């Protein structure tokens, strides 16, 4: 492995990934804090905020991961490259996952320092698991349909379905399980999201290999 090359590609993807969505996420969280009563914050209200109010940001942050080439109309150039495309996607997922963790950290960690009593590790992980899970669904659907609108709409419909059905159908995989004391469900959601990412990378690598062969033949 060429470490220098990998570092360059990772850094180039940091530049490619827009930080506008992270800025919008922070603005959205700021708007939430303006609407809530800060003197009446409890662990339950923070769970509600993390699971149900903040979690949709994952959809917006992840949906474009595999659609950037389509947006800039450089798909043919990317598919004709020898460098494994799955690594590019993996680097983008890592970058956005770090952004997501920073957003959640900024949302909850300061509250611990101002004296609000809550289990920060549980709320951070639980909120992160739900947000990542929704984001991975958006990313996969966006890739399958090549449409950002579908990648956003479908997980939002799932999100609202869970909100109104209150886990009646999804049971242990209820998106908002922390609110009913189901912390094990968060581990399941996180594990499914990681497994889905691994399968997704395998599929994108296989498709990229096929397209690379096609463009290689076309160039002859």
N, C-alpha and C. Protein backbone atom coordinates (compact mmCIF):
# COMPACT_ATOMS: atom_id res chain seq x y z
N UNK A 1 0.84 -1.21 0.00
CA UNK A 1 0.00 0.00 0.00
C UNK A 1 0.87 1.25 0.00
N UNK A 2 0.58 2.16 -0.90
CA UNK A 2 1.30 3.43 -0.98
C UNK A 2 0.64 4.42 -0.01
N UNK A 3 1.27 4.59 1.17
CA UNK A 3 0.70 5.45 2.21
C UNK A 3 0.56 6.89 1.73
N UNK A 4 1.54 7.35 0.99
CA UNK A 4 1.52 8.73 0.48
C UNK A 4 0.31 8.94 -0.44
N UNK A 5 0.07 7.96 -1.33
CA UNK A 5 -1.07 8.06 -2.24
C UNK A 5 -2.38 8.03 -1.47
N UNK A 6 -2.47 7.12 -0.49
CA UNK A 6 -3.71 7.01 0.30
C UNK A 6 -3.99 8.31 1.05
N UNK A 7 -2.92 8.92 1.58
CA UNK A 7 -3.08 10.19 2.31
C UNK A 7 -3.58 11.29 1.38
N UNK A 8 -3.02 11.33 0.17
CA UNK A 8 -3.44 12.35 -0.79
C UNK A 8 -4.90 12.18 -1.18
N UNK A 9 -5.32 10.93 -1.40
CA UNK A 9 -6.70 10.67 -1.80
C UNK A 9 -7.65 10.98 -0.65
N UNK A 10 -7.24 10.63 0.57
CA UNK A 10 -8.08 10.95 1.73
C UNK A 10 -8.25 12.46 1.87
N UNK A 11 -7.15 13.19 1.74
CA UNK A 11 -7.20 14.66 1.86
C UNK A 11 -8.00 15.29 0.73
N UNK A 12 -7.88 14.72 -0.48
CA UNK A 12 -8.65 15.26 -1.61
C UNK A 12 -10.14 15.06 -1.40
N UNK A 13 -10.51 13.95 -0.73
CA UNK A 13 -11.93 13.71 -0.46
C UNK A 13 -12.45 14.61 0.65
N UNK A 14 -11.55 15.03 1.55
CA UNK A 14 -11.95 16.03 2.54
C UNK A 14 -12.35 17.33 1.84
N UNK A 15 -11.59 17.67 0.79
CA UNK A 15 -11.90 18.89 0.03
C UNK A 15 -13.17 18.73 -0.79
N UNK A 16 -13.38 17.50 -1.32
CA UNK A 16 -14.57 17.25 -2.15
C UNK A 16 -15.85 17.27 -1.33
N UNK A 17 -15.78 16.64 -0.14
CA UNK A 17 -16.98 16.58 0.71
C UNK A 17 -17.32 17.98 1.19
N UNK A 18 -18.52 18.40 0.94
CA UNK A 18 -18.94 19.73 1.34
C UNK A 18 -19.16 19.80 2.85
N UNK A 19 -18.61 20.83 3.47
CA UNK A 19 -18.83 21.04 4.90
C UNK A 19 -20.09 21.88 5.14
N UNK A 20 -20.77 22.23 4.04
CA UNK A 20 -22.00 23.01 4.17
C UNK A 20 -23.07 22.25 4.94
N UNK A 21 -23.14 20.91 4.70
CA UNK A 21 -24.15 20.12 5.40
C UNK A 21 -23.87 20.07 6.90
N UNK A 22 -22.59 20.03 7.25
CA UNK A 22 -22.23 20.06 8.68
C UNK A 22 -22.61 21.39 9.29
N UNK A 23 -22.36 22.47 8.56
CA UNK A 23 -22.72 23.81 9.04
C UNK A 23 -24.24 23.94 9.19
N UNK A 24 -24.97 23.39 8.22
CA UNK A 24 -26.43 23.42 8.30
C UNK A 24 -26.94 22.59 9.47
N UNK A 25 -26.28 21.44 9.71
CA UNK A 25 -26.65 20.59 10.85
C UNK A 25 -26.48 21.34 12.17
N UNK A 26 -25.37 22.05 12.29
CA UNK A 26 -25.13 22.83 13.51
C UNK A 26 -26.13 23.97 13.64
N UNK A 27 -26.49 24.60 12.51
CA UNK A 27 -27.50 25.66 12.54
C UNK A 27 -28.85 25.09 12.96
N UNK A 28 -29.16 23.89 12.46
CA UNK A 28 -30.41 23.21 12.82
C UNK A 28 -30.45 22.91 14.32
N UNK A 29 -29.33 22.43 14.85
CA UNK A 29 -29.26 22.13 16.28
C UNK A 29 -29.37 23.42 17.09
N UNK A 30 -28.76 24.50 16.59
CA UNK A 30 -28.89 25.79 17.26
C UNK A 30 -30.35 26.23 17.32
N UNK A 31 -31.09 25.98 16.23
CA UNK A 31 -32.51 26.33 16.20
C UNK A 31 -33.30 25.50 17.22
N UNK A 32 -32.91 24.22 17.38
CA UNK A 32 -33.57 23.36 18.37
C UNK A 32 -33.36 23.93 19.77
N UNK A 33 -32.13 24.35 20.07
CA UNK A 33 -31.83 24.89 21.40
C UNK A 33 -32.57 26.20 21.66
N UNK A 34 -32.85 26.94 20.61
CA UNK A 34 -33.61 28.17 20.79
C UNK A 34 -35.06 27.90 21.16
N UNK A 35 -35.55 26.73 20.72
CA UNK A 35 -36.97 26.40 20.94
C UNK A 35 -37.22 25.67 22.26
N UNK A 36 -36.19 25.02 22.81
CA UNK A 36 -36.43 24.23 24.02
C UNK A 36 -36.20 25.08 25.27
N UNK A 37 -36.76 24.62 26.37
CA UNK A 37 -36.58 25.28 27.66
C UNK A 37 -35.31 24.73 28.32
N UNK A 38 -34.25 25.48 28.30
CA UNK A 38 -32.96 25.00 28.78
C UNK A 38 -32.95 24.77 30.29
N UNK A 39 -33.87 25.40 31.01
CA UNK A 39 -33.92 25.23 32.46
C UNK A 39 -34.65 23.95 32.86
N UNK A 40 -35.26 23.30 31.89
CA UNK A 40 -36.04 22.10 32.19
C UNK A 40 -35.50 20.87 31.44
N UNK A 41 -34.23 20.91 31.08
CA UNK A 41 -33.65 19.79 30.36
C UNK A 41 -33.38 18.62 31.29
N UNK A 42 -33.77 17.44 30.86
CA UNK A 42 -33.55 16.21 31.63
C UNK A 42 -32.94 15.18 30.69
N UNK A 43 -32.57 14.03 31.24
CA UNK A 43 -32.01 12.98 30.40
C UNK A 43 -33.01 12.54 29.35
N UNK A 44 -34.28 12.43 29.75
CA UNK A 44 -35.30 11.99 28.79
C UNK A 44 -35.47 13.00 27.65
N UNK A 45 -35.46 14.29 27.98
CA UNK A 45 -35.62 15.30 26.93
C UNK A 45 -34.41 15.31 25.99
N UNK A 46 -33.22 15.00 26.52
CA UNK A 46 -32.03 14.93 25.68
C UNK A 46 -32.05 13.68 24.80
N UNK A 47 -32.60 12.59 25.33
CA UNK A 47 -32.78 11.38 24.52
C UNK A 47 -33.73 11.68 23.37
N UNK A 48 -34.82 12.35 23.67
CA UNK A 48 -35.79 12.73 22.63
C UNK A 48 -35.13 13.62 21.59
N UNK A 49 -34.33 14.56 22.05
CA UNK A 49 -33.67 15.49 21.13
C UNK A 49 -32.69 14.74 20.22
N UNK A 50 -31.89 13.84 20.80
CA UNK A 50 -30.90 13.11 20.02
C UNK A 50 -31.51 12.12 19.05
N UNK A 51 -32.48 11.35 19.54
CA UNK A 51 -33.08 10.30 18.72
C UNK A 51 -34.03 10.84 17.66
N UNK A 52 -34.90 11.73 18.05
CA UNK A 52 -35.99 12.12 17.17
C UNK A 52 -35.79 13.46 16.46
N UNK A 53 -35.08 14.37 17.08
CA UNK A 53 -34.92 15.68 16.46
C UNK A 53 -33.63 15.79 15.65
N UNK A 54 -32.54 15.23 16.18
CA UNK A 54 -31.25 15.38 15.52
C UNK A 54 -30.99 14.29 14.48
N UNK A 55 -31.51 13.09 14.70
CA UNK A 55 -31.17 11.94 13.84
C UNK A 55 -31.39 12.15 12.34
N UNK A 56 -32.38 12.92 11.87
CA UNK A 56 -32.55 13.09 10.42
C UNK A 56 -31.37 13.76 9.71
N UNK A 57 -30.47 14.40 10.46
CA UNK A 57 -29.34 15.04 9.79
C UNK A 57 -28.45 14.00 9.10
N UNK A 58 -28.48 12.76 9.59
CA UNK A 58 -27.70 11.71 8.96
C UNK A 58 -28.12 11.46 7.51
N UNK A 59 -29.40 11.61 7.25
CA UNK A 59 -29.93 11.42 5.90
C UNK A 59 -29.29 12.42 4.95
N UNK A 60 -29.28 13.68 5.35
CA UNK A 60 -28.76 14.75 4.50
C UNK A 60 -27.24 14.66 4.35
N UNK A 61 -26.56 14.24 5.42
CA UNK A 61 -25.11 14.20 5.38
C UNK A 61 -24.56 13.05 4.53
N UNK A 62 -25.29 11.93 4.48
CA UNK A 62 -24.77 10.74 3.80
C UNK A 62 -25.29 10.54 2.39
N UNK A 63 -26.39 11.17 2.02
CA UNK A 63 -27.06 10.82 0.77
C UNK A 63 -26.20 11.06 -0.47
N UNK A 64 -25.28 12.01 -0.42
CA UNK A 64 -24.50 12.37 -1.61
C UNK A 64 -23.19 11.59 -1.75
N UNK A 65 -22.90 10.70 -0.82
CA UNK A 65 -21.59 10.03 -0.79
C UNK A 65 -21.19 9.45 -2.15
N UNK A 66 -22.12 8.74 -2.80
CA UNK A 66 -21.78 8.07 -4.06
C UNK A 66 -22.35 8.81 -5.28
N UNK A 67 -22.92 9.98 -5.05
CA UNK A 67 -23.53 10.71 -6.16
C UNK A 67 -22.71 11.93 -6.58
N UNK A 68 -21.59 12.16 -5.92
CA UNK A 68 -20.78 13.34 -6.22
C UNK A 68 -20.28 13.31 -7.66
N UNK A 69 -19.85 12.13 -8.13
CA UNK A 69 -19.37 12.00 -9.50
C UNK A 69 -20.47 12.32 -10.51
N UNK A 70 -21.69 11.88 -10.21
CA UNK A 70 -22.81 12.16 -11.10
C UNK A 70 -23.12 13.65 -11.15
N UNK A 71 -23.04 14.30 -9.99
CA UNK A 71 -23.34 15.73 -9.91
C UNK A 71 -22.36 16.56 -10.74
N UNK A 72 -21.09 16.16 -10.70
CA UNK A 72 -20.06 16.90 -11.43
C UNK A 72 -19.77 16.31 -12.80
N UNK A 73 -20.56 15.28 -13.16
CA UNK A 73 -20.47 14.63 -14.47
C UNK A 73 -19.03 14.16 -14.78
N UNK A 74 -18.45 13.47 -13.80
CA UNK A 74 -17.10 12.94 -14.00
C UNK A 74 -17.07 11.43 -13.79
N UNK A 75 -18.24 10.78 -13.90
CA UNK A 75 -18.34 9.34 -13.66
C UNK A 75 -17.42 8.55 -14.57
N UNK A 76 -17.43 8.90 -15.85
CA UNK A 76 -16.62 8.14 -16.81
C UNK A 76 -15.14 8.22 -16.47
N UNK A 77 -14.69 9.40 -16.04
CA UNK A 77 -13.29 9.57 -15.69
C UNK A 77 -12.94 8.74 -14.46
N UNK A 78 -13.86 8.70 -13.47
CA UNK A 78 -13.61 7.94 -12.25
C UNK A 78 -13.60 6.45 -12.53
N UNK A 79 -14.58 5.98 -13.33
CA UNK A 79 -14.69 4.56 -13.60
C UNK A 79 -13.52 4.03 -14.43
N UNK A 80 -12.87 4.92 -15.17
CA UNK A 80 -11.75 4.48 -16.00
C UNK A 80 -10.44 4.44 -15.23
N UNK A 81 -10.44 4.89 -13.97
CA UNK A 81 -9.23 4.89 -13.17
C UNK A 81 -8.96 3.51 -12.59
N UNK A 82 -7.66 3.22 -12.38
CA UNK A 82 -7.26 1.94 -11.82
C UNK A 82 -7.50 1.90 -10.31
N UNK A 83 -7.42 3.07 -9.64
CA UNK A 83 -7.55 3.12 -8.19
C UNK A 83 -8.92 2.60 -7.75
N UNK A 84 -8.95 1.70 -6.75
CA UNK A 84 -10.22 1.10 -6.31
C UNK A 84 -11.23 2.16 -5.85
N UNK A 85 -12.39 2.17 -6.47
CA UNK A 85 -13.41 3.17 -6.15
C UNK A 85 -13.95 2.97 -4.74
N UNK A 86 -13.97 1.70 -4.28
CA UNK A 86 -14.53 1.43 -2.95
C UNK A 86 -13.73 2.14 -1.86
N UNK A 87 -12.42 2.34 -2.08
CA UNK A 87 -11.62 3.05 -1.10
C UNK A 87 -12.02 4.52 -1.03
N UNK A 88 -12.31 5.10 -2.19
CA UNK A 88 -12.77 6.48 -2.22
C UNK A 88 -14.06 6.63 -1.43
N UNK A 89 -14.99 5.69 -1.64
CA UNK A 89 -16.26 5.72 -0.92
C UNK A 89 -16.04 5.51 0.57
N UNK A 90 -15.15 4.58 0.92
CA UNK A 90 -14.85 4.33 2.33
C UNK A 90 -14.30 5.58 3.00
N UNK A 91 -13.39 6.29 2.33
CA UNK A 91 -12.82 7.51 2.90
C UNK A 91 -13.91 8.56 3.12
N UNK A 92 -14.83 8.67 2.17
CA UNK A 92 -15.92 9.64 2.32
C UNK A 92 -16.82 9.27 3.50
N UNK A 93 -17.10 7.98 3.65
CA UNK A 93 -17.93 7.53 4.78
C UNK A 93 -17.24 7.85 6.10
N UNK A 94 -15.92 7.61 6.16
CA UNK A 94 -15.17 7.90 7.38
C UNK A 94 -15.20 9.40 7.69
N UNK A 95 -14.99 10.22 6.67
CA UNK A 95 -14.98 11.68 6.86
C UNK A 95 -16.34 12.17 7.38
N UNK A 96 -17.41 11.70 6.75
CA UNK A 96 -18.75 12.15 7.16
C UNK A 96 -19.12 11.59 8.52
N UNK A 97 -18.66 10.37 8.83
CA UNK A 97 -18.92 9.79 10.15
C UNK A 97 -18.24 10.61 11.24
N UNK A 98 -17.03 11.10 10.95
CA UNK A 98 -16.33 11.97 11.91
C UNK A 98 -17.08 13.29 12.06
N UNK A 99 -17.53 13.85 10.93
CA UNK A 99 -18.33 15.08 10.99
C UNK A 99 -19.56 14.88 11.86
N UNK A 100 -20.21 13.75 11.66
CA UNK A 100 -21.43 13.44 12.41
C UNK A 100 -21.15 13.35 13.91
N UNK A 101 -20.06 12.70 14.26
CA UNK A 101 -19.69 12.58 15.68
C UNK A 101 -19.40 13.95 16.27
N UNK A 102 -18.72 14.81 15.49
CA UNK A 102 -18.43 16.16 15.97
C UNK A 102 -19.71 16.95 16.21
N UNK A 103 -20.66 16.81 15.28
CA UNK A 103 -21.94 17.51 15.43
C UNK A 103 -22.65 17.07 16.71
N UNK A 104 -22.69 15.77 16.95
CA UNK A 104 -23.35 15.25 18.14
C UNK A 104 -22.59 15.65 19.41
N UNK A 105 -21.25 15.62 19.32
CA UNK A 105 -20.45 16.03 20.46
C UNK A 105 -20.69 17.49 20.83
N UNK A 106 -20.74 18.34 19.82
CA UNK A 106 -21.02 19.76 20.05
C UNK A 106 -22.42 19.95 20.63
N UNK A 107 -23.33 19.06 20.28
CA UNK A 107 -24.71 19.15 20.74
C UNK A 107 -24.86 18.81 22.22
N UNK A 108 -24.10 17.79 22.68
CA UNK A 108 -24.34 17.26 24.02
C UNK A 108 -23.24 17.51 25.04
N UNK A 109 -21.99 17.49 24.63
CA UNK A 109 -20.90 17.60 25.61
C UNK A 109 -20.94 18.90 26.42
N UNK A 110 -21.21 20.07 25.79
CA UNK A 110 -21.28 21.30 26.60
C UNK A 110 -22.35 21.24 27.70
N UNK A 111 -23.43 20.50 27.45
CA UNK A 111 -24.50 20.41 28.44
C UNK A 111 -24.04 19.70 29.71
N UNK A 112 -23.08 18.79 29.54
CA UNK A 112 -22.53 18.09 30.70
C UNK A 112 -21.76 19.04 31.59
N UNK A 113 -21.10 20.02 30.97
CA UNK A 113 -20.28 20.96 31.73
C UNK A 113 -21.10 22.03 32.44
N UNK A 114 -22.35 22.21 31.99
CA UNK A 114 -23.19 23.21 32.66
C UNK A 114 -24.04 22.58 33.77
N UNK A 115 -23.79 21.30 34.04
CA UNK A 115 -24.41 20.69 35.21
C UNK A 115 -25.65 19.84 34.98
N UNK A 116 -26.02 19.59 33.74
CA UNK A 116 -27.18 18.73 33.47
C UNK A 116 -26.79 17.27 33.68
N UNK A 117 -27.58 16.55 34.45
CA UNK A 117 -27.26 15.17 34.81
C UNK A 117 -27.83 14.20 33.76
N UNK A 118 -26.96 13.57 33.00
CA UNK A 118 -27.39 12.57 32.03
C UNK A 118 -26.20 11.69 31.67
N UNK A 119 -26.49 10.47 31.17
CA UNK A 119 -25.45 9.53 30.76
C UNK A 119 -24.99 9.89 29.34
N UNK A 120 -23.93 10.66 29.27
CA UNK A 120 -23.53 11.21 27.98
C UNK A 120 -23.09 10.12 27.00
N UNK A 121 -22.43 9.08 27.48
CA UNK A 121 -21.96 8.02 26.57
C UNK A 121 -23.15 7.30 25.93
N UNK A 122 -24.17 7.00 26.74
CA UNK A 122 -25.37 6.33 26.21
C UNK A 122 -26.08 7.18 25.17
N UNK A 123 -26.26 8.45 25.49
CA UNK A 123 -26.99 9.33 24.58
C UNK A 123 -26.20 9.61 23.31
N UNK A 124 -24.90 9.79 23.44
CA UNK A 124 -24.07 10.02 22.26
C UNK A 124 -24.08 8.80 21.33
N UNK A 125 -23.87 7.62 21.91
CA UNK A 125 -23.84 6.41 21.08
C UNK A 125 -25.21 6.11 20.50
N UNK A 126 -26.25 6.22 21.33
CA UNK A 126 -27.60 5.94 20.85
C UNK A 126 -28.04 6.87 19.73
N UNK A 127 -27.76 8.15 19.90
CA UNK A 127 -28.10 9.13 18.86
C UNK A 127 -27.27 8.89 17.60
N UNK A 128 -25.99 8.57 17.80
CA UNK A 128 -25.10 8.31 16.67
C UNK A 128 -25.56 7.08 15.88
N UNK A 129 -25.96 6.03 16.59
CA UNK A 129 -26.40 4.79 15.94
C UNK A 129 -27.63 5.04 15.06
N UNK A 130 -28.61 5.75 15.59
CA UNK A 130 -29.82 6.05 14.81
C UNK A 130 -29.51 6.93 13.62
N UNK A 131 -28.69 7.95 13.85
CA UNK A 131 -28.35 8.90 12.78
C UNK A 131 -27.55 8.21 11.67
N UNK A 132 -26.58 7.38 12.07
CA UNK A 132 -25.78 6.64 11.09
C UNK A 132 -26.65 5.66 10.30
N UNK A 133 -27.54 4.98 11.00
CA UNK A 133 -28.43 3.99 10.38
C UNK A 133 -29.29 4.64 9.29
N UNK A 134 -29.88 5.77 9.62
CA UNK A 134 -30.69 6.50 8.63
C UNK A 134 -29.82 7.00 7.48
N UNK A 135 -28.61 7.47 7.80
CA UNK A 135 -27.71 7.96 6.77
C UNK A 135 -27.28 6.87 5.80
N UNK A 136 -27.02 5.68 6.31
CA UNK A 136 -26.61 4.57 5.45
C UNK A 136 -27.76 4.16 4.52
N UNK A 137 -28.98 4.16 5.04
CA UNK A 137 -30.14 3.87 4.19
C UNK A 137 -30.23 4.89 3.06
N UNK A 138 -30.06 6.16 3.38
CA UNK A 138 -30.11 7.22 2.37
C UNK A 138 -29.01 7.03 1.33
N UNK A 139 -27.81 6.71 1.78
CA UNK A 139 -26.68 6.52 0.88
C UNK A 139 -26.93 5.36 -0.10
N UNK A 140 -27.41 4.24 0.43
CA UNK A 140 -27.64 3.07 -0.41
C UNK A 140 -28.77 3.31 -1.41
N UNK A 141 -29.85 3.92 -0.96
CA UNK A 141 -30.97 4.19 -1.87
C UNK A 141 -30.58 5.23 -2.92
N UNK A 142 -29.77 6.21 -2.51
CA UNK A 142 -29.29 7.20 -3.47
C UNK A 142 -28.45 6.54 -4.55
N UNK A 143 -27.61 5.59 -4.14
CA UNK A 143 -26.76 4.87 -5.10
C UNK A 143 -27.60 4.00 -6.03
N UNK A 144 -28.59 3.30 -5.48
CA UNK A 144 -29.42 2.39 -6.27
C UNK A 144 -30.25 3.12 -7.31
N UNK A 145 -30.76 4.29 -6.95
CA UNK A 145 -31.66 5.03 -7.84
C UNK A 145 -30.97 6.15 -8.59
N UNK A 146 -29.76 6.52 -8.15
CA UNK A 146 -29.01 7.66 -8.70
C UNK A 146 -29.80 8.96 -8.55
N UNK A 147 -30.65 9.02 -7.54
CA UNK A 147 -31.48 10.20 -7.29
C UNK A 147 -31.36 10.63 -5.83
N UNK A 148 -30.93 11.86 -5.61
CA UNK A 148 -30.83 12.38 -4.24
C UNK A 148 -32.21 12.44 -3.59
N UNK A 149 -33.22 12.82 -4.37
CA UNK A 149 -34.57 12.97 -3.83
C UNK A 149 -35.09 11.66 -3.24
N UNK A 150 -34.84 10.54 -3.93
CA UNK A 150 -35.28 9.23 -3.43
C UNK A 150 -34.48 8.86 -2.18
N UNK A 151 -33.17 9.12 -2.23
CA UNK A 151 -32.32 8.83 -1.08
C UNK A 151 -32.72 9.59 0.17
N UNK A 152 -33.30 10.75 -0.01
CA UNK A 152 -33.76 11.55 1.14
C UNK A 152 -35.17 11.17 1.55
N UNK A 153 -36.06 11.05 0.58
CA UNK A 153 -37.48 10.84 0.88
C UNK A 153 -37.75 9.51 1.57
N UNK A 154 -37.17 8.42 1.05
CA UNK A 154 -37.48 7.08 1.59
C UNK A 154 -37.12 6.95 3.07
N UNK A 155 -35.89 7.30 3.49
CA UNK A 155 -35.60 7.20 4.93
C UNK A 155 -36.39 8.17 5.78
N UNK A 156 -36.78 9.32 5.22
CA UNK A 156 -37.64 10.24 5.97
C UNK A 156 -39.02 9.62 6.20
N UNK A 157 -39.54 8.92 5.19
CA UNK A 157 -40.82 8.22 5.36
C UNK A 157 -40.70 7.14 6.43
N UNK A 158 -39.59 6.42 6.41
CA UNK A 158 -39.31 5.40 7.43
C UNK A 158 -39.24 6.04 8.82
N UNK A 159 -38.56 7.18 8.90
CA UNK A 159 -38.42 7.92 10.15
C UNK A 159 -39.79 8.31 10.72
N UNK A 160 -40.67 8.86 9.85
CA UNK A 160 -42.00 9.27 10.31
C UNK A 160 -42.87 8.07 10.65
N UNK A 161 -42.69 6.98 9.89
CA UNK A 161 -43.42 5.74 10.20
C UNK A 161 -43.07 5.25 11.60
N UNK A 162 -41.78 5.26 11.93
CA UNK A 162 -41.35 4.84 13.26
C UNK A 162 -41.86 5.78 14.34
N UNK A 163 -41.89 7.06 14.04
CA UNK A 163 -42.35 8.05 15.00
C UNK A 163 -43.81 7.82 15.38
N UNK A 164 -44.64 7.50 14.39
CA UNK A 164 -46.06 7.34 14.66
C UNK A 164 -46.44 5.91 15.08
N UNK A 165 -45.69 4.91 14.61
CA UNK A 165 -46.01 3.52 14.99
C UNK A 165 -45.41 3.15 16.33
N UNK A 166 -44.42 3.96 16.79
CA UNK A 166 -43.77 3.76 18.09
C UNK A 166 -43.17 2.35 18.24
N UNK A 167 -42.62 1.82 17.16
CA UNK A 167 -41.92 0.54 17.21
C UNK A 167 -42.82 -0.68 17.25
N UNK A 168 -44.08 -0.49 16.95
CA UNK A 168 -45.03 -1.61 17.02
C UNK A 168 -44.66 -2.72 16.04
N UNK A 169 -44.04 -2.35 14.93
CA UNK A 169 -43.70 -3.34 13.90
C UNK A 169 -42.21 -3.70 13.90
N UNK A 170 -41.36 -2.77 14.30
CA UNK A 170 -39.91 -3.02 14.25
C UNK A 170 -39.35 -3.58 15.56
N UNK A 171 -40.12 -3.53 16.64
CA UNK A 171 -39.74 -4.15 17.91
C UNK A 171 -38.34 -3.74 18.36
N UNK A 172 -37.40 -4.73 18.39
CA UNK A 172 -36.05 -4.49 18.89
C UNK A 172 -35.22 -3.58 18.02
N UNK A 173 -35.69 -3.31 16.80
CA UNK A 173 -34.98 -2.41 15.90
C UNK A 173 -35.66 -1.05 15.81
N UNK A 174 -36.43 -0.72 16.82
CA UNK A 174 -37.12 0.57 16.88
C UNK A 174 -36.09 1.70 16.85
N UNK A 175 -36.27 2.64 15.95
CA UNK A 175 -35.32 3.74 15.78
C UNK A 175 -35.11 4.55 17.05
N UNK A 176 -36.17 4.69 17.83
CA UNK A 176 -36.12 5.56 19.00
C UNK A 176 -36.19 4.74 20.29
N UNK A 177 -35.45 3.63 20.32
CA UNK A 177 -35.51 2.69 21.43
C UNK A 177 -35.03 3.24 22.75
N UNK A 178 -34.10 4.20 22.75
CA UNK A 178 -33.61 4.75 24.02
C UNK A 178 -34.73 5.36 24.83
N UNK A 179 -35.71 5.93 24.14
CA UNK A 179 -36.82 6.58 24.83
C UNK A 179 -37.68 5.61 25.62
N UNK A 180 -37.60 4.32 25.26
CA UNK A 180 -38.37 3.29 25.98
C UNK A 180 -37.43 2.34 26.71
N UNK A 181 -36.19 2.75 26.88
CA UNK A 181 -35.24 1.96 27.66
C UNK A 181 -34.56 0.83 26.91
N UNK A 182 -34.70 0.79 25.59
CA UNK A 182 -34.10 -0.29 24.80
C UNK A 182 -32.75 0.16 24.24
N UNK A 183 -31.70 0.00 25.05
CA UNK A 183 -30.37 0.42 24.61
C UNK A 183 -29.70 -0.66 23.76
N UNK A 184 -30.10 -1.92 23.95
CA UNK A 184 -29.54 -3.00 23.15
C UNK A 184 -29.89 -2.81 21.67
N UNK A 185 -31.07 -2.25 21.41
CA UNK A 185 -31.50 -1.99 20.04
C UNK A 185 -30.53 -1.07 19.31
N UNK A 186 -29.88 -0.17 20.06
CA UNK A 186 -28.92 0.75 19.44
C UNK A 186 -27.70 0.01 18.93
N UNK A 187 -27.27 -1.00 19.69
CA UNK A 187 -26.14 -1.82 19.25
C UNK A 187 -26.52 -2.56 17.98
N UNK A 188 -27.76 -3.03 17.92
CA UNK A 188 -28.23 -3.74 16.73
C UNK A 188 -28.26 -2.81 15.51
N UNK A 189 -28.80 -1.61 15.70
CA UNK A 189 -28.86 -0.64 14.59
C UNK A 189 -27.47 -0.28 14.10
N UNK A 190 -26.56 -0.06 15.05
CA UNK A 190 -25.19 0.28 14.68
C UNK A 190 -24.53 -0.88 13.93
N UNK A 191 -24.74 -2.10 14.41
CA UNK A 191 -24.15 -3.28 13.77
C UNK A 191 -24.71 -3.47 12.35
N UNK A 192 -26.00 -3.26 12.19
CA UNK A 192 -26.62 -3.38 10.86
C UNK A 192 -26.05 -2.33 9.92
N UNK A 193 -25.88 -1.11 10.43
CA UNK A 193 -25.32 -0.03 9.60
C UNK A 193 -23.90 -0.37 9.14
N UNK A 194 -23.08 -0.89 10.04
CA UNK A 194 -21.70 -1.25 9.69
C UNK A 194 -21.69 -2.40 8.69
N UNK A 195 -22.54 -3.41 8.93
CA UNK A 195 -22.63 -4.55 8.00
C UNK A 195 -23.09 -4.09 6.63
N UNK A 196 -24.06 -3.18 6.60
CA UNK A 196 -24.58 -2.65 5.33
C UNK A 196 -23.49 -1.88 4.58
N UNK A 197 -22.65 -1.14 5.31
CA UNK A 197 -21.56 -0.41 4.68
C UNK A 197 -20.57 -1.38 4.03
N UNK A 198 -20.24 -2.46 4.73
CA UNK A 198 -19.30 -3.45 4.20
C UNK A 198 -19.84 -4.09 2.92
N UNK A 199 -21.11 -4.50 2.96
CA UNK A 199 -21.74 -5.09 1.77
C UNK A 199 -21.81 -4.07 0.64
N UNK A 200 -22.14 -2.84 1.00
CA UNK A 200 -22.24 -1.77 0.01
C UNK A 200 -20.90 -1.52 -0.68
N UNK A 201 -19.82 -1.52 0.09
CA UNK A 201 -18.49 -1.33 -0.49
C UNK A 201 -18.14 -2.48 -1.43
N UNK A 202 -18.52 -3.69 -1.06
CA UNK A 202 -18.28 -4.86 -1.92
C UNK A 202 -19.02 -4.70 -3.25
N UNK A 203 -20.28 -4.26 -3.17
CA UNK A 203 -21.10 -4.11 -4.38
C UNK A 203 -20.56 -2.99 -5.27
N UNK A 204 -20.19 -1.86 -4.66
CA UNK A 204 -19.66 -0.75 -5.46
C UNK A 204 -18.33 -1.14 -6.11
N UNK A 205 -17.52 -1.92 -5.41
CA UNK A 205 -16.25 -2.38 -5.99
C UNK A 205 -16.50 -3.29 -7.18
N UNK A 206 -17.47 -4.19 -7.04
CA UNK A 206 -17.79 -5.11 -8.15
C UNK A 206 -18.31 -4.34 -9.36
N UNK A 207 -19.22 -3.38 -9.11
CA UNK A 207 -19.77 -2.59 -10.21
C UNK A 207 -18.70 -1.71 -10.86
N UNK A 208 -17.82 -1.16 -10.04
CA UNK A 208 -16.75 -0.32 -10.57
C UNK A 208 -15.80 -1.13 -11.43
N UNK A 209 -15.52 -2.37 -11.02
CA UNK A 209 -14.65 -3.25 -11.80
C UNK A 209 -15.25 -3.53 -13.17
N UNK A 210 -16.55 -3.80 -13.19
CA UNK A 210 -17.23 -4.05 -14.47
C UNK A 210 -17.19 -2.82 -15.37
N UNK A 211 -17.46 -1.64 -14.79
CA UNK A 211 -17.45 -0.41 -15.58
C UNK A 211 -16.05 -0.05 -16.05
N UNK A 212 -15.05 -0.34 -15.23
CA UNK A 212 -13.66 -0.07 -15.62
C UNK A 212 -13.29 -0.90 -16.84
N UNK A 213 -13.70 -2.16 -16.84
CA UNK A 213 -13.43 -3.02 -18.00
C UNK A 213 -14.14 -2.51 -19.24
N UNK A 214 -15.38 -2.03 -19.03
CA UNK A 214 -16.16 -1.52 -20.16
C UNK A 214 -15.48 -0.30 -20.78
N UNK A 215 -15.06 0.65 -19.92
CA UNK A 215 -14.43 1.87 -20.44
C UNK A 215 -13.05 1.58 -21.01
N UNK A 216 -12.37 0.56 -20.47
CA UNK A 216 -11.07 0.19 -21.01
C UNK A 216 -11.22 -0.35 -22.43
N UNK A 217 -12.25 -1.15 -22.66
CA UNK A 217 -12.51 -1.68 -23.99
C UNK A 217 -12.93 -0.57 -24.95
N UNK A 218 -13.71 0.41 -24.43
CA UNK A 218 -14.19 1.51 -25.26
C UNK A 218 -13.04 2.38 -25.75
N UNK A 219 -11.97 2.46 -24.93
CA UNK A 219 -10.85 3.32 -25.29
C UNK A 219 -9.94 2.70 -26.35
N UNK A 220 -10.12 1.41 -26.58
CA UNK A 220 -9.23 0.73 -27.55
C UNK A 220 -9.66 1.05 -28.99
